Amino acid sequence: MGVLGALPGARVARADQLAELTDTMLKGKPARTRLIAAIALARSGDVRAVRAFIGALQDEDKTVRGVAASALGNLGDVRAIAPLERLVADPEQFVRDKASEALSKLRALSARPREAVPKEITRIAAPKKTYVTVKSTFNRTAAGGKPLAGKLKELLEKELVDSEAVSLDMTKREGVGSSFTIDGAITDISKKTSPLFVEVTCSVKLVVGTYPDGRVVTMVTGGATVQTPIKAWRPTMEKGVQLDALAGAVKGANQSLVGFLSKQRP
């Protein structure tokens, strides 16, 4: 049945679960931790994981690469064809087999004939967007200072730009009912050392208010932990690992944020 088995009971993961699983699959240590996350994510059948699985094709562990390849074949997103084509040259036979199987599935999908488009079609208006502006960001911790607060705003805006339901261009908004402000804060950056790992944890909080009066309507949070083997840890790595943890925390919070904003579209 293969590494993934028959993938029974596939279901879409909750936003916080998806963020945690993708972060662990891509950054977890040791390899078994990444493998467990990859299998769980593959079983979820969540198409939002396509980009993460494409990244996992580069994992140093052959089993993680193979699971990622199988998952991409099952998810049916033809964007994975090119990365999988590169994987057929993998030094491991197991990985090459999984990549070939996935490619066969995806090529079959892309080869299906398209239905004829009628000469006269009804034009459907594009769904309206929720308009937001990231008003301010703060670092409430003693680590990283103002530069890390600026990075929070940069990461948050990048995540929002990638959402089809949200626009940061407030000049195109229609009325105030679908417009919001976001204030963000880094609430925790901490480092913990164990006999095996150095763990850097980051937590963020995003407060959503109506525009322009700023009446608070909801708050979402996100968190992430990045593990580094203690033998590989160097003090000079700390700032970079803090940024990685911040990026993971923002990604987790953004899943909940976009879920809320999507429901506010007029």
Protein backbone atom coordinates (compact mmCIF):
# COMPACT_ATOMS: atom_id res chain seq x y z
CA MET A 1 0.00 0.00 0.00
CA GLY A 2 2.99 2.28 0.20
CA VAL A 3 4.08 4.82 2.77
CA LEU A 4 0.75 6.65 2.83
CA GLY A 5 -1.46 3.59 2.69
CA ALA A 6 -4.90 4.12 1.22
CA LEU A 7 -5.28 7.56 2.86
CA PRO A 8 -8.65 6.72 4.48
CA GLY A 9 -10.93 9.42 5.78
CA ALA A 10 -9.16 12.30 4.05
CA ARG A 11 -10.33 15.64 5.40
CA VAL A 12 -9.35 19.28 5.30
CA ALA A 13 -7.23 20.32 8.26
CA ARG A 14 -8.18 23.30 10.41
CA ALA A 15 -6.18 26.43 9.65
CA ASP A 16 -4.11 26.16 12.83
CA GLN A 17 -3.48 22.45 12.23
CA LEU A 18 -2.44 23.09 8.65
CA ALA A 19 0.04 25.78 9.65
CA GLU A 20 1.52 23.62 12.42
CA LEU A 21 1.83 20.54 10.19
CA THR A 22 3.41 22.41 7.26
CA ASP A 23 5.87 24.17 9.56
CA THR A 24 6.86 20.87 11.20
CA MET A 25 7.15 19.07 7.86
CA LEU A 26 9.47 21.71 6.47
CA LYS A 27 11.51 22.59 9.55
CA GLY A 28 11.11 19.85 12.15
CA LYS A 29 14.01 17.86 13.58
CA PRO A 30 14.84 15.00 13.42
CA ALA A 31 13.72 13.54 10.08
CA ARG A 32 11.14 11.28 11.75
CA THR A 33 9.36 14.37 13.06
CA ARG A 34 9.10 15.77 9.53
CA LEU A 35 7.94 12.39 8.21
CA ILE A 36 5.13 12.09 10.77
CA ALA A 37 3.94 15.61 9.89
CA ALA A 38 4.13 14.87 6.14
CA ILE A 39 2.04 11.71 6.49
CA ALA A 40 -0.57 13.49 8.63
CA LEU A 41 -0.75 16.36 6.15
CA ALA A 42 -1.06 13.95 3.22
CA ARG A 43 -3.91 12.12 4.97
CA SER A 44 -5.78 15.41 5.39
CA GLY A 45 -6.07 15.77 1.60
CA ASP A 46 -5.91 19.56 2.02
CA VAL A 47 -5.12 21.23 -1.32
CA ARG A 48 -3.71 24.25 0.52
CA ALA A 49 -0.67 22.09 1.33
CA VAL A 50 0.48 21.84 -2.31
CA ARG A 51 3.11 24.57 -1.97
CA ALA A 52 4.49 23.04 1.23
CA PHE A 53 4.72 19.58 -0.33
CA ILE A 54 6.61 21.03 -3.30
CA GLY A 55 9.11 22.46 -0.79
CA ALA A 56 9.37 19.08 0.95
CA LEU A 57 10.56 17.49 -2.32
CA GLN A 58 13.96 18.98 -1.40
CA ASP A 59 14.08 17.32 2.03
CA GLU A 60 17.34 15.54 2.92
CA ASP A 61 15.39 12.44 3.98
CA LYS A 62 14.34 10.13 1.14
CA THR A 63 11.13 8.98 2.84
CA VAL A 64 9.93 12.54 3.37
CA ARG A 65 10.64 13.27 -0.30
CA GLY A 66 8.72 10.17 -1.34
CA VAL A 67 5.71 10.99 0.85
CA ALA A 68 5.64 14.53 -0.53
CA ALA A 69 5.71 13.22 -4.10
CA SER A 70 2.86 10.77 -3.43
CA ALA A 71 0.80 13.48 -1.75
CA LEU A 72 1.22 15.83 -4.73
CA GLY A 73 0.00 13.11 -7.07
CA ASN A 74 -3.09 12.58 -4.91
CA LEU A 75 -3.86 16.29 -4.54
CA GLY A 76 -4.06 16.65 -8.33
CA ASP A 77 -2.55 20.12 -8.73
CA VAL A 78 -0.72 20.29 -12.07
CA ARG A 79 1.59 23.00 -10.71
CA ALA A 80 3.54 20.13 -9.14
CA ILE A 81 4.44 18.57 -12.50
CA ALA A 82 7.66 20.55 -13.07
CA PRO A 83 9.08 19.97 -9.55
CA LEU A 84 8.22 16.26 -9.80
CA GLU A 85 9.93 16.00 -13.17
CA ARG A 86 13.13 17.16 -11.52
CA LEU A 87 12.68 14.51 -8.84
CA VAL A 88 12.76 11.59 -11.29
CA ALA A 89 16.55 12.05 -11.29
CA ASP A 90 16.71 11.54 -7.49
CA PRO A 91 19.53 9.19 -6.40
CA GLU A 92 17.04 7.05 -4.42
CA GLN A 93 14.95 4.50 -6.34
CA PHE A 94 12.11 4.81 -3.83
CA VAL A 95 11.83 8.55 -4.49
CA ARG A 96 12.08 8.11 -8.26
CA ASP A 97 9.23 5.59 -8.17
CA LYS A 98 6.97 7.86 -6.12
CA ALA A 99 7.74 10.83 -8.39
CA SER A 100 6.94 8.77 -11.50
CA GLU A 101 3.64 7.54 -10.02
CA ALA A 102 2.62 11.07 -9.10
CA LEU A 103 3.56 12.40 -12.55
CA SER A 104 1.42 9.74 -14.22
CA LYS A 105 -1.61 10.89 -12.23
CA LEU A 106 -1.02 14.60 -12.85
CA ARG A 107 -0.30 14.20 -16.56
CA ALA A 108 -3.50 12.23 -16.94
CA LEU A 109 -5.38 15.14 -15.37
CA SER A 110 -3.68 17.77 -17.55
CA ALA A 111 -4.35 15.69 -20.70
CA ARG A 112 -8.13 15.61 -20.22
CA PRO A 113 -9.92 17.42 -23.07
CA ARG A 114 -11.48 20.69 -22.09
CA GLU A 115 -15.21 21.14 -22.50
CA ALA A 116 -16.23 23.32 -25.42
CA VAL A 117 -16.87 26.91 -24.39
CA PRO A 118 -20.26 28.17 -25.57
CA LYS A 119 -20.24 31.14 -27.92
CA GLU A 120 -22.37 33.15 -25.58
CA ILE A 121 -21.54 32.99 -21.91
CA THR A 122 -22.90 34.79 -18.93
CA ARG A 123 -20.22 36.93 -17.38
CA ILE A 124 -19.98 36.48 -13.64
CA ALA A 125 -18.67 39.43 -11.69
CA ALA A 126 -15.53 38.76 -9.71
CA PRO A 127 -16.25 38.38 -5.98
CA LYS A 128 -15.72 41.55 -4.01
CA LYS A 129 -12.80 41.80 -1.64
CA THR A 130 -12.42 42.81 1.96
CA TYR A 131 -10.13 45.83 2.20
CA VAL A 132 -7.61 46.09 5.00
CA THR A 133 -4.70 48.23 6.08
CA VAL A 134 -1.98 47.15 8.50
CA LYS A 135 -2.06 50.17 10.77
CA SER A 136 0.72 49.47 13.28
CA THR A 137 2.93 46.67 14.53
CA PHE A 138 4.78 46.41 17.83
CA ASN A 139 7.33 44.20 19.51
CA ARG A 140 6.25 43.71 23.12
CA THR A 141 9.30 41.60 23.97
CA ALA A 142 12.86 42.43 24.93
CA ALA A 143 14.27 40.59 21.89
CA GLY A 144 14.72 42.00 18.40
CA GLY A 145 13.55 45.56 19.06
CA LYS A 146 11.83 47.77 16.45
CA PRO A 147 13.39 45.99 13.43
CA LEU A 148 11.46 42.84 14.36
CA ALA A 149 8.23 44.87 14.62
CA GLY A 150 8.87 46.15 11.10
CA LYS A 151 9.45 42.59 9.95
CA LEU A 152 6.09 41.61 11.45
CA LYS A 153 4.35 44.18 9.26
CA GLU A 154 6.28 43.07 6.17
CA LEU A 155 5.44 39.39 6.71
CA LEU A 156 1.79 40.08 7.48
CA GLU A 157 1.28 42.22 4.38
CA LYS A 158 2.95 39.56 2.24
CA GLU A 159 0.60 36.88 3.57
CA LEU A 160 -2.44 39.10 2.98
CA VAL A 161 -1.41 39.96 -0.58
CA ASP A 162 -1.44 36.24 -1.40
CA SER A 163 -5.10 35.93 -0.36
CA GLU A 164 -7.79 36.20 -3.04
CA ALA A 165 -10.32 37.47 -0.52
CA VAL A 166 -8.31 40.47 0.71
CA SER A 167 -6.93 43.65 -0.82
CA LEU A 168 -4.51 46.13 0.72
CA ASP A 169 -5.44 48.80 -1.85
CA MET A 170 -7.79 50.94 0.24
CA THR A 171 -8.33 53.35 -2.68
CA LYS A 172 -10.62 50.76 -4.31
CA ARG A 173 -12.80 50.10 -1.29
CA GLU A 174 -16.56 50.59 -1.52
CA GLY A 175 -18.03 52.07 1.63
CA VAL A 176 -16.79 51.27 5.13
CA GLY A 177 -18.69 48.07 5.83
CA SER A 178 -16.03 45.85 4.26
CA SER A 179 -12.92 47.73 5.40
CA PHE A 180 -10.75 46.96 8.40
CA THR A 181 -7.56 47.96 10.18
CA ILE A 182 -5.08 45.50 11.65
CA ASP A 183 -2.77 46.15 14.58
CA GLY A 184 -0.17 43.48 15.22
CA ALA A 185 2.10 42.69 18.14
CA ILE A 186 4.83 40.20 18.88
CA THR A 187 3.87 38.95 22.33
CA ASP A 188 6.60 36.40 22.94
CA ILE A 189 10.05 35.48 21.67
CA SER A 190 11.78 32.98 23.88
CA LYS A 191 14.64 30.51 23.65
CA LYS A 192 14.75 27.17 25.44
CA THR A 193 17.70 24.80 25.49
CA SER A 194 17.36 21.06 25.98
CA PRO A 195 20.01 18.33 25.80
CA LEU A 196 19.22 17.85 22.10
CA PHE A 197 17.81 21.10 20.74
CA VAL A 198 17.71 24.85 20.98
CA GLU A 199 14.08 25.92 20.55
CA VAL A 200 13.08 29.46 19.62
CA THR A 201 9.36 30.20 20.05
CA CYS A 202 7.45 33.21 18.77
CA SER A 203 3.84 34.27 19.38
CA VAL A 204 1.90 37.08 17.70
CA LYS A 205 -1.47 38.74 18.23
CA LEU A 206 -3.49 40.53 15.53
CA VAL A 207 -6.31 42.89 16.48
CA VAL A 208 -8.89 43.67 13.77
CA GLY A 209 -10.90 46.87 13.89
CA THR A 210 -13.43 48.57 11.64
CA TYR A 211 -12.20 51.30 9.30
CA PRO A 212 -11.92 54.20 9.93
CA ASP A 213 -13.22 54.31 13.52
CA GLY A 214 -11.07 51.41 14.75
CA ARG A 215 -13.80 49.59 16.72
CA VAL A 216 -12.33 46.20 17.65
CA VAL A 217 -14.27 43.30 16.12
CA THR A 218 -11.98 40.30 16.62
CA MET A 219 -8.51 39.15 17.61
CA VAL A 220 -6.45 36.22 16.32
CA THR A 221 -3.18 34.71 17.48
CA GLY A 222 -0.47 32.51 16.06
CA GLY A 223 2.66 30.81 17.27
CA ALA A 224 5.57 28.75 15.99
CA THR A 225 8.65 27.01 17.36
CA VAL A 226 11.86 26.40 15.43
CA GLN A 227 14.17 23.62 16.61
CA THR A 228 17.90 23.54 15.91
CA PRO A 229 20.11 20.63 16.94
CA ILE A 230 22.24 21.83 19.82
CA LYS A 231 25.40 20.62 18.12
CA ALA A 232 24.64 22.87 15.14
CA TRP A 233 23.61 25.93 17.17
CA ARG A 234 25.72 29.08 17.05
CA PRO A 235 24.88 32.37 18.82
CA THR A 236 25.09 34.15 15.46
CA MET A 237 22.11 32.08 14.29
CA GLU A 238 19.69 33.49 16.83
CA LYS A 239 18.39 36.48 14.85
CA GLY A 240 17.78 34.37 11.76
CA VAL A 241 15.96 31.68 13.76
CA GLN A 242 13.86 34.37 15.44
CA LEU A 243 12.78 35.53 11.97
CA ASP A 244 11.91 31.96 10.98
CA ALA A 245 9.79 31.56 14.11
CA LEU A 246 8.12 34.93 13.46
CA ALA A 247 7.30 33.93 9.89
CA GLY A 248 5.70 30.72 11.12
CA ALA A 249 3.69 32.55 13.78
CA VAL A 250 2.42 35.09 11.24
CA LYS A 251 1.45 32.34 8.83
CA GLY A 252 -0.55 30.59 11.53
CA ALA A 253 -2.34 33.77 12.63
CA ASN A 254 -3.01 34.76 9.02
CA GLN A 255 -4.95 31.54 8.39
CA SER A 256 -7.50 32.56 11.03
CA LEU A 257 -7.38 36.21 9.97
CA VAL A 258 -8.17 35.50 6.32
CA GLY A 259 -10.92 33.11 7.40
CA PHE A 260 -12.58 35.96 9.29
CA LEU A 261 -12.01 38.55 6.55
CA SER A 262 -13.40 36.24 3.86
CA LYS A 263 -16.73 36.17 5.65
CA GLN A 264 -16.90 39.98 5.71
CA ARG A 265 -16.99 40.40 1.92
CA PRO A 266 -20.07 42.31 0.75
